[in-house]
Amino acid sequence: MDQVRQGRFLIAPVLFFLDVLIGFYFQRPGLIEEIDSLETATITAAGGLLAASTLPVEFIIGGLSDLLLRVFTCVNGGNYHPLPRHQAMEAIESTLRLGDKPNDKYLKPLFVLGSYAEQYLDIGVRAWIDRMWNAFHTYANCIMALFLGMLFAPCLGYFSCGWFTANIVLCALLAVMAWLRWADVRSMYELQALRIKDGKMPPQDATPATS
């Protein structure tokens, strides 16, 4: 995993912890003074506990985010992948010269897009798609982190209307950004599919002509 992915992997759990702490601070303005009064060993132990729980919390957030996305897209067979629209999808299937294709609505786009990307798209294009898709999941995970923070807050006995409203607004902004990244990936697949079909860009596995 590269450094950029490692950084994005930590964004959602860190956001969750910060969101809970900020909400707790608004409920108890003297929180900073209370933390300052704690012994160094206590603060160190709490910090270590938070650091150790970062990765497990990320896996929980990522799993719940994926599950929620599948629930929201259940009318499409639980598939939320950026399946190109009709003309571009036909171009991809024509380029791949597919015979038997899986009938399952969830497996089909993974099968088609995965095969197409690996066989025909340039490494740079695949890297760009990977970055945008990774950004989509980062935004989705951040939304789930804020949502869990809003559920977790009442368990700690605090709730602030201003904090709750700020979370809702931030979730909406993150949802817009996630949708834009999703649309970017779909548009890139469509562009490359039509270019390859029209012969304007040779597939990456094509053998160079020899004189």
N, C-alpha and C. Protein backbone atom coordinates (compact mmCIF):
# COMPACT_ATOMS: atom_id res chain seq x y z
N MET A 1 0.85 -1.19 0.00
CA MET A 1 0.00 0.00 0.00
C MET A 1 0.89 1.25 0.00
N ASP A 2 0.64 2.19 -0.95
CA ASP A 2 1.47 3.37 -1.04
C ASP A 2 1.13 4.35 0.09
N GLN A 3 1.96 5.40 0.21
CA GLN A 3 1.79 6.34 1.33
C GLN A 3 0.48 7.10 1.24
N VAL A 4 0.04 7.42 0.01
CA VAL A 4 -1.22 8.15 -0.15
C VAL A 4 -2.38 7.30 0.37
N ARG A 5 -2.39 6.02 0.02
CA ARG A 5 -3.46 5.13 0.49
C ARG A 5 -3.39 4.96 2.00
N GLN A 6 -2.19 4.85 2.53
CA GLN A 6 -2.05 4.71 3.97
C GLN A 6 -2.64 5.92 4.69
N GLY A 7 -2.38 7.12 4.15
CA GLY A 7 -2.93 8.33 4.76
C GLY A 7 -4.44 8.36 4.70
N ARG A 8 -5.00 8.01 3.54
CA ARG A 8 -6.45 8.02 3.38
C ARG A 8 -7.10 6.94 4.25
N PHE A 9 -6.37 5.85 4.48
CA PHE A 9 -6.90 4.76 5.29
C PHE A 9 -7.16 5.23 6.72
N LEU A 10 -6.43 6.24 7.17
CA LEU A 10 -6.55 6.71 8.55
C LEU A 10 -7.53 7.87 8.71
N ILE A 11 -7.96 8.46 7.60
CA ILE A 11 -8.79 9.66 7.68
C ILE A 11 -10.10 9.39 8.42
N ALA A 12 -10.82 8.33 8.04
CA ALA A 12 -12.14 8.08 8.63
C ALA A 12 -12.08 7.84 10.15
N PRO A 13 -11.20 6.95 10.65
CA PRO A 13 -11.18 6.77 12.12
C PRO A 13 -10.73 8.01 12.86
N VAL A 14 -9.76 8.75 12.32
CA VAL A 14 -9.33 9.99 12.98
C VAL A 14 -10.49 10.99 13.02
N LEU A 15 -11.24 11.06 11.92
CA LEU A 15 -12.40 11.95 11.89
C LEU A 15 -13.44 11.54 12.92
N PHE A 16 -13.63 10.24 13.08
CA PHE A 16 -14.57 9.74 14.07
C PHE A 16 -14.17 10.17 15.48
N PHE A 17 -12.89 9.97 15.82
CA PHE A 17 -12.43 10.35 17.16
C PHE A 17 -12.54 11.86 17.38
N LEU A 18 -12.15 12.65 16.37
CA LEU A 18 -12.23 14.10 16.50
C LEU A 18 -13.67 14.57 16.63
N ASP A 19 -14.56 13.94 15.87
CA ASP A 19 -15.97 14.33 15.92
C ASP A 19 -16.55 14.10 17.31
N VAL A 20 -16.22 12.94 17.89
CA VAL A 20 -16.72 12.63 19.24
C VAL A 20 -16.14 13.60 20.27
N LEU A 21 -14.84 13.88 20.15
CA LEU A 21 -14.20 14.80 21.10
C LEU A 21 -14.75 16.22 20.97
N ILE A 22 -14.97 16.67 19.74
CA ILE A 22 -15.52 18.02 19.54
C ILE A 22 -16.92 18.12 20.12
N GLY A 23 -17.73 17.09 19.86
CA GLY A 23 -19.08 17.09 20.44
C GLY A 23 -19.05 17.08 21.95
N PHE A 24 -18.12 16.30 22.51
CA PHE A 24 -17.98 16.25 23.96
C PHE A 24 -17.52 17.60 24.51
N TYR A 25 -16.66 18.29 23.76
CA TYR A 25 -16.16 19.59 24.20
C TYR A 25 -17.28 20.63 24.25
N PHE A 26 -18.15 20.62 23.25
CA PHE A 26 -19.26 21.57 23.25
C PHE A 26 -20.22 21.32 24.41
N GLN A 27 -20.33 20.06 24.81
CA GLN A 27 -21.19 19.73 25.94
C GLN A 27 -20.52 20.11 27.27
N ARG A 28 -19.18 19.99 27.30
CA ARG A 28 -18.43 20.28 28.52
C ARG A 28 -17.28 21.22 28.18
N PRO A 29 -17.52 22.55 28.17
CA PRO A 29 -16.49 23.52 27.78
C PRO A 29 -15.21 23.43 28.60
N GLY A 30 -15.27 22.87 29.80
CA GLY A 30 -14.08 22.75 30.63
C GLY A 30 -13.27 21.50 30.37
N LEU A 31 -13.52 20.85 29.22
CA LEU A 31 -12.86 19.59 28.92
C LEU A 31 -11.34 19.74 28.84
N ILE A 32 -10.87 20.84 28.25
CA ILE A 32 -9.43 21.05 28.09
C ILE A 32 -8.75 21.12 29.45
N GLU A 33 -9.37 21.85 30.38
CA GLU A 33 -8.80 21.96 31.72
C GLU A 33 -8.79 20.61 32.42
N GLU A 34 -9.82 19.82 32.20
CA GLU A 34 -9.88 18.49 32.82
C GLU A 34 -8.77 17.59 32.28
N ILE A 35 -8.51 17.69 30.97
CA ILE A 35 -7.44 16.88 30.38
C ILE A 35 -6.08 17.32 30.92
N ASP A 36 -5.90 18.65 31.05
CA ASP A 36 -4.63 19.17 31.57
C ASP A 36 -4.36 18.70 33.00
N SER A 37 -5.45 18.46 33.75
CA SER A 37 -5.28 18.06 35.14
C SER A 37 -4.94 16.58 35.30
N LEU A 38 -5.06 15.82 34.20
CA LEU A 38 -4.78 14.40 34.28
C LEU A 38 -3.27 14.15 34.34
N GLU A 39 -2.90 13.02 34.90
CA GLU A 39 -1.50 12.65 34.97
C GLU A 39 -0.99 12.27 33.59
N THR A 40 0.30 12.45 33.37
CA THR A 40 0.90 12.16 32.07
C THR A 40 0.70 10.70 31.69
N ALA A 41 0.82 9.80 32.66
CA ALA A 41 0.65 8.37 32.38
C ALA A 41 -0.76 8.06 31.88
N THR A 42 -1.74 8.74 32.46
CA THR A 42 -3.12 8.53 32.04
C THR A 42 -3.33 9.00 30.61
N ILE A 43 -2.80 10.20 30.31
CA ILE A 43 -2.93 10.74 28.95
C ILE A 43 -2.22 9.84 27.94
N THR A 44 -1.04 9.36 28.30
CA THR A 44 -0.28 8.47 27.41
C THR A 44 -1.03 7.17 27.16
N ALA A 45 -1.62 6.61 28.21
CA ALA A 45 -2.38 5.37 28.06
C ALA A 45 -3.60 5.58 27.16
N ALA A 46 -4.30 6.73 27.36
CA ALA A 46 -5.47 7.02 26.52
C ALA A 46 -5.06 7.20 25.07
N GLY A 47 -3.94 7.91 24.86
CA GLY A 47 -3.46 8.10 23.49
C GLY A 47 -3.06 6.80 22.84
N GLY A 48 -2.42 5.91 23.59
CA GLY A 48 -2.06 4.61 23.05
C GLY A 48 -3.27 3.77 22.71
N LEU A 49 -4.30 3.87 23.55
CA LEU A 49 -5.53 3.12 23.28
C LEU A 49 -6.20 3.61 22.00
N LEU A 50 -6.24 4.92 21.82
CA LEU A 50 -6.81 5.47 20.60
C LEU A 50 -6.01 5.05 19.37
N ALA A 51 -4.69 5.11 19.47
CA ALA A 51 -3.85 4.72 18.34
C ALA A 51 -4.03 3.25 17.99
N ALA A 52 -4.11 2.40 19.03
CA ALA A 52 -4.26 0.96 18.79
C ALA A 52 -5.62 0.62 18.19
N SER A 53 -6.63 1.43 18.50
CA SER A 53 -7.98 1.15 18.00
C SER A 53 -8.25 1.76 16.63
N THR A 54 -7.29 2.52 16.08
CA THR A 54 -7.51 3.20 14.81
C THR A 54 -7.80 2.22 13.67
N LEU A 55 -6.96 1.21 13.51
CA LEU A 55 -7.16 0.25 12.41
C LEU A 55 -8.43 -0.58 12.59
N PRO A 56 -8.71 -1.13 13.78
CA PRO A 56 -9.99 -1.85 13.93
C PRO A 56 -11.19 -0.96 13.64
N VAL A 57 -11.13 0.29 14.10
CA VAL A 57 -12.25 1.20 13.84
C VAL A 57 -12.39 1.46 12.35
N GLU A 58 -11.26 1.56 11.64
CA GLU A 58 -11.31 1.78 10.19
C GLU A 58 -11.96 0.59 9.48
N PHE A 59 -11.61 -0.63 9.90
CA PHE A 59 -12.22 -1.80 9.28
C PHE A 59 -13.72 -1.85 9.54
N ILE A 60 -14.13 -1.46 10.73
CA ILE A 60 -15.56 -1.43 11.05
C ILE A 60 -16.26 -0.38 10.19
N ILE A 61 -15.67 0.81 10.13
CA ILE A 61 -16.27 1.89 9.33
C ILE A 61 -16.34 1.49 7.86
N GLY A 62 -15.24 0.93 7.34
CA GLY A 62 -15.22 0.53 5.94
C GLY A 62 -16.24 -0.55 5.64
N GLY A 63 -16.36 -1.53 6.53
CA GLY A 63 -17.34 -2.59 6.32
C GLY A 63 -18.77 -2.08 6.35
N LEU A 64 -19.08 -1.23 7.32
CA LEU A 64 -20.43 -0.66 7.41
C LEU A 64 -20.73 0.24 6.21
N SER A 65 -19.72 0.98 5.76
CA SER A 65 -19.91 1.84 4.60
C SER A 65 -20.22 1.02 3.36
N ASP A 66 -19.48 -0.05 3.15
CA ASP A 66 -19.73 -0.93 2.00
C ASP A 66 -21.11 -1.55 2.08
N LEU A 67 -21.49 -2.00 3.28
CA LEU A 67 -22.81 -2.59 3.47
C LEU A 67 -23.91 -1.59 3.17
N LEU A 68 -23.76 -0.35 3.66
CA LEU A 68 -24.78 0.67 3.44
C LEU A 68 -24.89 1.02 1.96
N LEU A 69 -23.76 1.09 1.26
CA LEU A 69 -23.79 1.37 -0.17
C LEU A 69 -24.53 0.27 -0.93
N ARG A 70 -24.32 -0.96 -0.52
CA ARG A 70 -25.01 -2.07 -1.18
C ARG A 70 -26.51 -2.04 -0.89
N VAL A 71 -26.87 -1.65 0.32
CA VAL A 71 -28.29 -1.54 0.65
C VAL A 71 -28.95 -0.45 -0.18
N PHE A 72 -28.28 0.70 -0.30
CA PHE A 72 -28.83 1.81 -1.08
C PHE A 72 -28.97 1.46 -2.56
N THR A 73 -28.13 0.54 -3.04
CA THR A 73 -28.17 0.19 -4.46
C THR A 73 -28.77 -1.19 -4.68
N CYS A 74 -29.61 -1.64 -3.75
CA CYS A 74 -30.19 -2.98 -3.85
C CYS A 74 -31.04 -3.14 -5.10
N VAL A 75 -31.62 -2.03 -5.60
CA VAL A 75 -32.42 -2.12 -6.83
C VAL A 75 -31.53 -2.46 -8.02
N ASN A 76 -30.22 -2.24 -7.89
CA ASN A 76 -29.28 -2.56 -8.95
C ASN A 76 -28.47 -3.80 -8.60
N GLY A 77 -29.07 -4.65 -7.80
CA GLY A 77 -28.40 -5.88 -7.43
C GLY A 77 -27.30 -5.69 -6.40
N GLY A 78 -27.34 -4.58 -5.65
CA GLY A 78 -26.30 -4.32 -4.67
C GLY A 78 -25.00 -3.85 -5.28
N ASN A 79 -25.04 -3.38 -6.51
CA ASN A 79 -23.82 -2.93 -7.19
C ASN A 79 -23.76 -1.41 -7.20
N TYR A 80 -22.69 -0.86 -6.63
CA TYR A 80 -22.51 0.59 -6.66
C TYR A 80 -21.28 0.98 -7.48
N HIS A 81 -20.73 0.05 -8.23
CA HIS A 81 -19.56 0.35 -9.05
C HIS A 81 -19.96 1.22 -10.24
N PRO A 82 -19.05 2.04 -10.74
CA PRO A 82 -19.38 3.01 -11.80
C PRO A 82 -19.51 2.35 -13.17
N LEU A 83 -20.59 1.64 -13.36
CA LEU A 83 -20.83 0.96 -14.63
C LEU A 83 -21.07 1.98 -15.74
N PRO A 84 -20.29 1.94 -16.83
CA PRO A 84 -20.50 2.90 -17.93
C PRO A 84 -21.90 2.78 -18.51
N ARG A 85 -22.34 3.87 -19.11
CA ARG A 85 -23.66 3.87 -19.71
C ARG A 85 -23.69 3.05 -20.99
N HIS A 86 -24.88 2.92 -21.57
CA HIS A 86 -25.18 1.91 -22.59
C HIS A 86 -24.17 1.85 -23.73
N GLN A 87 -23.94 2.97 -24.41
CA GLN A 87 -23.06 2.96 -25.58
C GLN A 87 -21.63 2.57 -25.21
N ALA A 88 -21.12 3.13 -24.14
CA ALA A 88 -19.76 2.83 -23.71
C ALA A 88 -19.65 1.38 -23.23
N MET A 89 -20.68 0.88 -22.54
CA MET A 89 -20.63 -0.50 -22.07
C MET A 89 -20.64 -1.47 -23.24
N GLU A 90 -21.40 -1.15 -24.28
CA GLU A 90 -21.39 -1.98 -25.47
C GLU A 90 -20.02 -1.98 -26.12
N ALA A 91 -19.37 -0.81 -26.11
CA ALA A 91 -18.02 -0.71 -26.69
C ALA A 91 -17.03 -1.57 -25.90
N ILE A 92 -17.16 -1.56 -24.58
CA ILE A 92 -16.27 -2.37 -23.75
C ILE A 92 -16.48 -3.85 -24.02
N GLU A 93 -17.74 -4.27 -24.04
CA GLU A 93 -18.03 -5.69 -24.27
C GLU A 93 -17.60 -6.11 -25.67
N SER A 94 -17.73 -5.20 -26.64
CA SER A 94 -17.28 -5.50 -28.00
C SER A 94 -15.76 -5.63 -28.05
N THR A 95 -15.05 -4.75 -27.35
CA THR A 95 -13.59 -4.80 -27.33
C THR A 95 -13.10 -6.08 -26.67
N LEU A 96 -13.77 -6.48 -25.59
CA LEU A 96 -13.37 -7.70 -24.88
C LEU A 96 -13.77 -8.97 -25.63
N ARG A 97 -14.70 -8.82 -26.60
CA ARG A 97 -15.22 -9.97 -27.36
C ARG A 97 -15.72 -11.05 -26.39
N LEU A 98 -16.59 -10.63 -25.50
CA LEU A 98 -17.09 -11.53 -24.47
C LEU A 98 -18.06 -12.54 -25.04
N GLY A 99 -17.93 -13.75 -24.59
CA GLY A 99 -18.88 -14.79 -24.94
C GLY A 99 -19.86 -14.96 -23.80
N ASP A 100 -19.64 -16.01 -23.00
CA ASP A 100 -20.48 -16.22 -21.82
C ASP A 100 -20.12 -15.20 -20.76
N LYS A 101 -21.12 -14.49 -20.27
CA LYS A 101 -20.93 -13.49 -19.23
C LYS A 101 -21.79 -13.87 -18.03
N PRO A 102 -21.34 -13.57 -16.86
CA PRO A 102 -22.13 -13.89 -15.67
C PRO A 102 -23.44 -13.11 -15.67
N ASN A 103 -24.49 -13.77 -15.23
CA ASN A 103 -25.80 -13.13 -15.19
C ASN A 103 -26.02 -12.31 -13.94
N ASP A 104 -25.24 -12.57 -12.91
CA ASP A 104 -25.40 -11.85 -11.66
C ASP A 104 -25.10 -10.37 -11.85
N LYS A 105 -26.01 -9.50 -11.39
CA LYS A 105 -25.87 -8.06 -11.61
C LYS A 105 -24.67 -7.48 -10.86
N TYR A 106 -24.29 -8.11 -9.76
CA TYR A 106 -23.16 -7.58 -9.00
C TYR A 106 -21.84 -8.02 -9.62
N LEU A 107 -21.76 -9.27 -10.08
CA LEU A 107 -20.50 -9.78 -10.62
C LEU A 107 -20.21 -9.24 -12.02
N LYS A 108 -21.24 -8.96 -12.79
CA LYS A 108 -21.01 -8.56 -14.18
C LYS A 108 -20.13 -7.32 -14.31
N PRO A 109 -20.43 -6.20 -13.65
CA PRO A 109 -19.56 -5.02 -13.81
C PRO A 109 -18.15 -5.25 -13.30
N LEU A 110 -18.00 -6.05 -12.22
CA LEU A 110 -16.67 -6.34 -11.73
C LEU A 110 -15.89 -7.16 -12.75
N PHE A 111 -16.57 -8.11 -13.35
CA PHE A 111 -15.95 -8.97 -14.35
C PHE A 111 -15.55 -8.17 -15.58
N VAL A 112 -16.49 -7.38 -16.08
CA VAL A 112 -16.26 -6.63 -17.31
C VAL A 112 -15.23 -5.52 -17.10
N LEU A 113 -15.45 -4.67 -16.11
CA LEU A 113 -14.56 -3.54 -15.90
C LEU A 113 -13.17 -3.99 -15.47
N GLY A 114 -13.10 -5.01 -14.62
CA GLY A 114 -11.80 -5.51 -14.19
C GLY A 114 -10.99 -6.07 -15.35
N SER A 115 -11.63 -6.87 -16.19
CA SER A 115 -10.95 -7.44 -17.35
C SER A 115 -10.53 -6.35 -18.32
N TYR A 116 -11.43 -5.41 -18.55
CA TYR A 116 -11.14 -4.34 -19.50
C TYR A 116 -9.98 -3.47 -19.04
N ALA A 117 -9.99 -3.10 -17.76
CA ALA A 117 -8.92 -2.24 -17.24
C ALA A 117 -7.57 -2.93 -17.31
N GLU A 118 -7.52 -4.21 -16.92
CA GLU A 118 -6.25 -4.92 -16.89
C GLU A 118 -5.70 -5.17 -18.29
N GLN A 119 -6.58 -5.43 -19.26
CA GLN A 119 -6.12 -5.82 -20.58
C GLN A 119 -5.92 -4.66 -21.54
N TYR A 120 -6.69 -3.58 -21.36
CA TYR A 120 -6.69 -2.56 -22.40
C TYR A 120 -6.33 -1.15 -21.95
N LEU A 121 -6.38 -0.86 -20.69
CA LEU A 121 -6.10 0.50 -20.25
C LEU A 121 -4.63 0.67 -19.88
N ASP A 122 -4.11 1.84 -20.20
CA ASP A 122 -2.73 2.16 -19.88
C ASP A 122 -2.54 2.20 -18.36
N ILE A 123 -1.33 1.95 -17.93
CA ILE A 123 -1.03 1.93 -16.49
C ILE A 123 -1.37 3.28 -15.84
N GLY A 124 -1.05 4.37 -16.55
CA GLY A 124 -1.35 5.69 -16.01
C GLY A 124 -2.84 5.93 -15.84
N VAL A 125 -3.63 5.46 -16.81
CA VAL A 125 -5.09 5.61 -16.72
C VAL A 125 -5.63 4.77 -15.58
N ARG A 126 -5.12 3.55 -15.44
CA ARG A 126 -5.58 2.69 -14.34
C ARG A 126 -5.22 3.31 -12.99
N ALA A 127 -4.04 3.92 -12.91
CA ALA A 127 -3.64 4.56 -11.65
C ALA A 127 -4.56 5.73 -11.33
N TRP A 128 -4.95 6.50 -12.36
CA TRP A 128 -5.86 7.62 -12.15
C TRP A 128 -7.22 7.13 -11.67
N ILE A 129 -7.75 6.08 -12.31
CA ILE A 129 -9.02 5.50 -11.90
C ILE A 129 -8.94 5.00 -10.46
N ASP A 130 -7.83 4.36 -10.14
CA ASP A 130 -7.64 3.83 -8.80
C ASP A 130 -7.65 4.94 -7.76
N ARG A 131 -7.00 6.06 -8.08
CA ARG A 131 -6.98 7.20 -7.13
C ARG A 131 -8.38 7.77 -6.93
N MET A 132 -9.13 7.93 -8.00
CA MET A 132 -10.48 8.48 -7.89
C MET A 132 -11.41 7.54 -7.13
N TRP A 133 -11.27 6.23 -7.40
CA TRP A 133 -12.13 5.26 -6.71
C TRP A 133 -11.77 5.16 -5.24
N ASN A 134 -10.48 5.28 -4.95
CA ASN A 134 -10.03 5.30 -3.56
C ASN A 134 -10.56 6.53 -2.84
N ALA A 135 -10.57 7.68 -3.55
CA ALA A 135 -11.12 8.90 -2.97
C ALA A 135 -12.62 8.76 -2.70
N PHE A 136 -13.33 8.09 -3.61
CA PHE A 136 -14.76 7.84 -3.40
C PHE A 136 -15.00 7.08 -2.10
N HIS A 137 -14.23 6.02 -1.89
CA HIS A 137 -14.40 5.24 -0.66
C HIS A 137 -13.99 6.03 0.58
N THR A 138 -12.99 6.90 0.43
CA THR A 138 -12.59 7.73 1.57
C THR A 138 -13.72 8.65 1.99
N TYR A 139 -14.35 9.30 1.01
CA TYR A 139 -15.49 10.18 1.33
C TYR A 139 -16.64 9.38 1.94
N ALA A 140 -16.92 8.20 1.38
CA ALA A 140 -18.01 7.37 1.91
C ALA A 140 -17.71 6.93 3.34
N ASN A 141 -16.46 6.56 3.60
CA ASN A 141 -16.08 6.15 4.95
C ASN A 141 -16.17 7.31 5.94
N CYS A 142 -15.84 8.51 5.48
CA CYS A 142 -15.94 9.68 6.35
C CYS A 142 -17.39 9.97 6.71
N ILE A 143 -18.29 9.78 5.77
CA ILE A 143 -19.72 9.95 6.06
C ILE A 143 -20.15 8.95 7.13
N MET A 144 -19.71 7.71 6.97
CA MET A 144 -20.06 6.69 7.97
C MET A 144 -19.45 7.03 9.32
N ALA A 145 -18.22 7.57 9.33
CA ALA A 145 -17.59 7.95 10.60
C ALA A 145 -18.39 9.02 11.32
N LEU A 146 -18.86 10.03 10.58
CA LEU A 146 -19.67 11.08 11.19
C LEU A 146 -21.01 10.54 11.66
N PHE A 147 -21.59 9.65 10.88
CA PHE A 147 -22.87 9.05 11.26
C PHE A 147 -22.72 8.24 12.55
N LEU A 148 -21.63 7.48 12.66
CA LEU A 148 -21.39 6.71 13.88
C LEU A 148 -21.14 7.64 15.06
N GLY A 149 -20.46 8.77 14.80
CA GLY A 149 -20.25 9.75 15.85
C GLY A 149 -21.56 10.29 16.39
N MET A 150 -22.52 10.53 15.49
CA MET A 150 -23.83 11.04 15.91
C MET A 150 -24.61 9.99 16.69
N LEU A 151 -24.38 8.71 16.37
CA LEU A 151 -25.03 7.65 17.13
C LEU A 151 -24.35 7.42 18.48
N PHE A 152 -23.02 7.64 18.50
CA PHE A 152 -22.24 7.36 19.69
C PHE A 152 -22.39 8.44 20.75
N ALA A 153 -22.65 9.67 20.30
CA ALA A 153 -22.72 10.81 21.21
C ALA A 153 -23.74 10.62 22.34
N PRO A 154 -24.99 10.22 22.04
CA PRO A 154 -25.96 10.05 23.13
C PRO A 154 -25.53 9.00 24.15
N CYS A 155 -24.72 8.02 23.71
CA CYS A 155 -24.26 6.99 24.65
C CYS A 155 -23.33 7.58 25.70
N LEU A 156 -22.67 8.70 25.37
CA LEU A 156 -21.79 9.37 26.32
C LEU A 156 -22.52 10.46 27.10
N GLY A 157 -23.81 10.60 26.82
CA GLY A 157 -24.61 11.54 27.59
C GLY A 157 -24.49 12.98 27.14
N TYR A 158 -24.17 13.22 25.88
CA TYR A 158 -24.12 14.62 25.42
C TYR A 158 -24.74 14.73 24.04
N PHE A 159 -25.24 15.90 23.75
CA PHE A 159 -25.82 16.18 22.44
C PHE A 159 -25.91 17.69 22.27
N SER A 160 -25.40 18.18 21.14
CA SER A 160 -25.42 19.61 20.84
C SER A 160 -26.07 19.82 19.48
N CYS A 161 -27.08 20.69 19.42
CA CYS A 161 -27.76 20.94 18.16
C CYS A 161 -26.81 21.52 17.11
N GLY A 162 -25.93 22.42 17.55
CA GLY A 162 -24.96 23.01 16.62
C GLY A 162 -24.01 21.97 16.07
N TRP A 163 -23.50 21.10 16.94
CA TRP A 163 -22.60 20.03 16.53
C TRP A 163 -23.32 19.06 15.59
N PHE A 164 -24.56 18.71 15.92
CA PHE A 164 -25.33 17.79 15.08
C PHE A 164 -25.58 18.40 13.71
N THR A 165 -25.94 19.69 13.66
CA THR A 165 -26.20 20.36 12.39
C THR A 165 -24.94 20.43 11.54
N ALA A 166 -23.81 20.73 12.18
CA ALA A 166 -22.54 20.78 11.46
C ALA A 166 -22.20 19.42 10.86
N ASN A 167 -22.49 18.36 11.60
CA ASN A 167 -22.25 17.01 11.07
C ASN A 167 -23.11 16.72 9.85
N ILE A 168 -24.38 17.11 9.91
CA ILE A 168 -25.29 16.87 8.79
C ILE A 168 -24.80 17.63 7.55
N VAL A 169 -24.41 18.88 7.73
CA VAL A 169 -23.92 19.69 6.59
C VAL A 169 -22.65 19.07 6.02
N LEU A 170 -21.74 18.65 6.89
CA LEU A 170 -20.50 18.04 6.43
C LEU A 170 -20.76 16.72 5.70
N CYS A 171 -21.71 15.94 6.20
CA CYS A 171 -22.08 14.70 5.51
C CYS A 171 -22.61 14.98 4.11
N ALA A 172 -23.41 16.02 3.97
CA ALA A 172 -23.96 16.38 2.67
C ALA A 172 -22.84 16.78 1.70
N LEU A 173 -21.89 17.57 2.18
CA LEU A 173 -20.76 17.99 1.34
C LEU A 173 -19.91 16.78 0.93
N LEU A 174 -19.67 15.88 1.87
CA LEU A 174 -18.89 14.69 1.56
C LEU A 174 -19.63 13.80 0.56
N ALA A 175 -20.96 13.73 0.67
CA ALA A 175 -21.75 12.94 -0.27
C ALA A 175 -21.62 13.50 -1.69
N VAL A 176 -21.64 14.83 -1.81
CA VAL A 176 -21.46 15.46 -3.12
C VAL A 176 -20.08 15.12 -3.69
N MET A 177 -19.05 15.22 -2.86
CA MET A 177 -17.70 14.91 -3.32
C MET A 177 -17.57 13.43 -3.72
N ALA A 178 -18.21 12.54 -2.95
CA ALA A 178 -18.17 11.12 -3.30
C ALA A 178 -18.85 10.88 -4.64
N TRP A 179 -19.99 11.52 -4.85
CA TRP A 179 -20.70 11.34 -6.12
C TRP A 179 -19.87 11.87 -7.29
N LEU A 180 -19.17 12.99 -7.12
CA LEU A 180 -18.33 13.54 -8.17
C LEU A 180 -17.19 12.58 -8.52
N ARG A 181 -16.57 11.98 -7.50
CA ARG A 181 -15.49 11.02 -7.78
C ARG A 181 -16.04 9.78 -8.48
N TRP A 182 -17.22 9.33 -8.07
CA TRP A 182 -17.87 8.19 -8.73
C TRP A 182 -18.13 8.51 -10.19
N ALA A 183 -18.65 9.71 -10.45
CA ALA A 183 -18.93 10.12 -11.84
C ALA A 183 -17.65 10.27 -12.64
N ASP A 184 -16.57 10.72 -12.00
CA ASP A 184 -15.28 10.84 -12.69
C ASP A 184 -14.79 9.48 -13.18
N VAL A 185 -14.91 8.47 -12.34
CA VAL A 185 -14.46 7.14 -12.72
C VAL A 185 -15.29 6.62 -13.89
N ARG A 186 -16.59 6.78 -13.81
CA ARG A 186 -17.45 6.31 -14.89
C ARG A 186 -17.13 7.04 -16.20
N SER A 187 -16.93 8.34 -16.12
CA SER A 187 -16.63 9.12 -17.32
C SER A 187 -15.31 8.69 -17.95
N MET A 188 -14.31 8.37 -17.10
CA MET A 188 -13.02 7.93 -17.64
C MET A 188 -13.16 6.59 -18.34
N TYR A 189 -13.90 5.66 -17.75
CA TYR A 189 -14.15 4.38 -18.43
C TYR A 189 -14.84 4.60 -19.77
N GLU A 190 -15.82 5.48 -19.78
CA GLU A 190 -16.56 5.73 -21.02
C GLU A 190 -15.67 6.35 -22.08
N LEU A 191 -14.84 7.32 -21.69
CA LEU A 191 -13.94 7.97 -22.63
C LEU A 191 -12.97 6.97 -23.25
N GLN A 192 -12.32 6.17 -22.41
CA GLN A 192 -11.35 5.21 -22.91
C GLN A 192 -12.01 4.14 -23.78
N ALA A 193 -13.23 3.72 -23.40
CA ALA A 193 -13.93 2.70 -24.18
C ALA A 193 -14.23 3.18 -25.59
N LEU A 194 -14.71 4.41 -25.71
CA LEU A 194 -15.05 4.94 -27.03
C LEU A 194 -13.80 5.23 -27.85
N ARG A 195 -12.73 5.68 -27.21
CA ARG A 195 -11.48 5.95 -27.93
C ARG A 195 -10.88 4.66 -28.49
N ILE A 196 -10.87 3.61 -27.69
CA ILE A 196 -10.31 2.34 -28.16
C ILE A 196 -11.18 1.74 -29.25
N LYS A 197 -12.50 1.82 -29.10
CA LYS A 197 -13.40 1.27 -30.10
C LYS A 197 -13.24 1.99 -31.43
N ASP A 198 -13.07 3.30 -31.40
CA ASP A 198 -12.94 4.09 -32.63
C ASP A 198 -11.53 4.05 -33.21
N GLY A 199 -10.62 3.34 -32.54
CA GLY A 199 -9.26 3.23 -33.04
C GLY A 199 -8.41 4.46 -32.81
N LYS A 200 -8.85 5.36 -31.94
CA LYS A 200 -8.09 6.58 -31.66
C LYS A 200 -6.99 6.35 -30.63
N MET A 201 -7.03 5.21 -29.96
CA MET A 201 -5.99 4.89 -28.98
C MET A 201 -5.84 3.38 -28.97
N PRO A 202 -4.67 2.85 -29.31
CA PRO A 202 -4.49 1.41 -29.32
C PRO A 202 -4.51 0.85 -27.92
N PRO A 203 -5.05 -0.36 -27.74
CA PRO A 203 -5.01 -0.99 -26.42
C PRO A 203 -3.57 -1.22 -26.00
N GLN A 204 -3.34 -1.27 -24.71
CA GLN A 204 -1.98 -1.34 -24.19
C GLN A 204 -1.32 -2.67 -24.51
N ASP A 205 -2.10 -3.72 -24.75
CA ASP A 205 -1.48 -5.01 -25.01
C ASP A 205 -1.30 -5.27 -26.50
N ALA A 206 -1.57 -4.23 -27.33
CA ALA A 206 -1.43 -4.42 -28.76
C ALA A 206 0.06 -4.55 -29.11
N THR A 207 0.35 -5.43 -30.05
CA THR A 207 1.72 -5.63 -30.47
C THR A 207 2.10 -4.58 -31.50
N PRO A 208 3.19 -3.82 -31.29
CA PRO A 208 3.59 -2.78 -32.23
C PRO A 208 3.84 -3.35 -33.61
N ALA A 209 3.45 -2.57 -34.60
CA ALA A 209 3.66 -3.01 -35.98
C ALA A 209 5.14 -3.00 -36.31
N THR A 210 5.59 -4.00 -37.07
CA THR A 210 6.99 -4.08 -37.47
C THR A 210 7.12 -3.93 -38.97
N SER A 211 8.17 -3.29 -39.41
CA SER A 211 8.35 -3.05 -40.83
C SER A 211 9.07 -4.23 -41.48
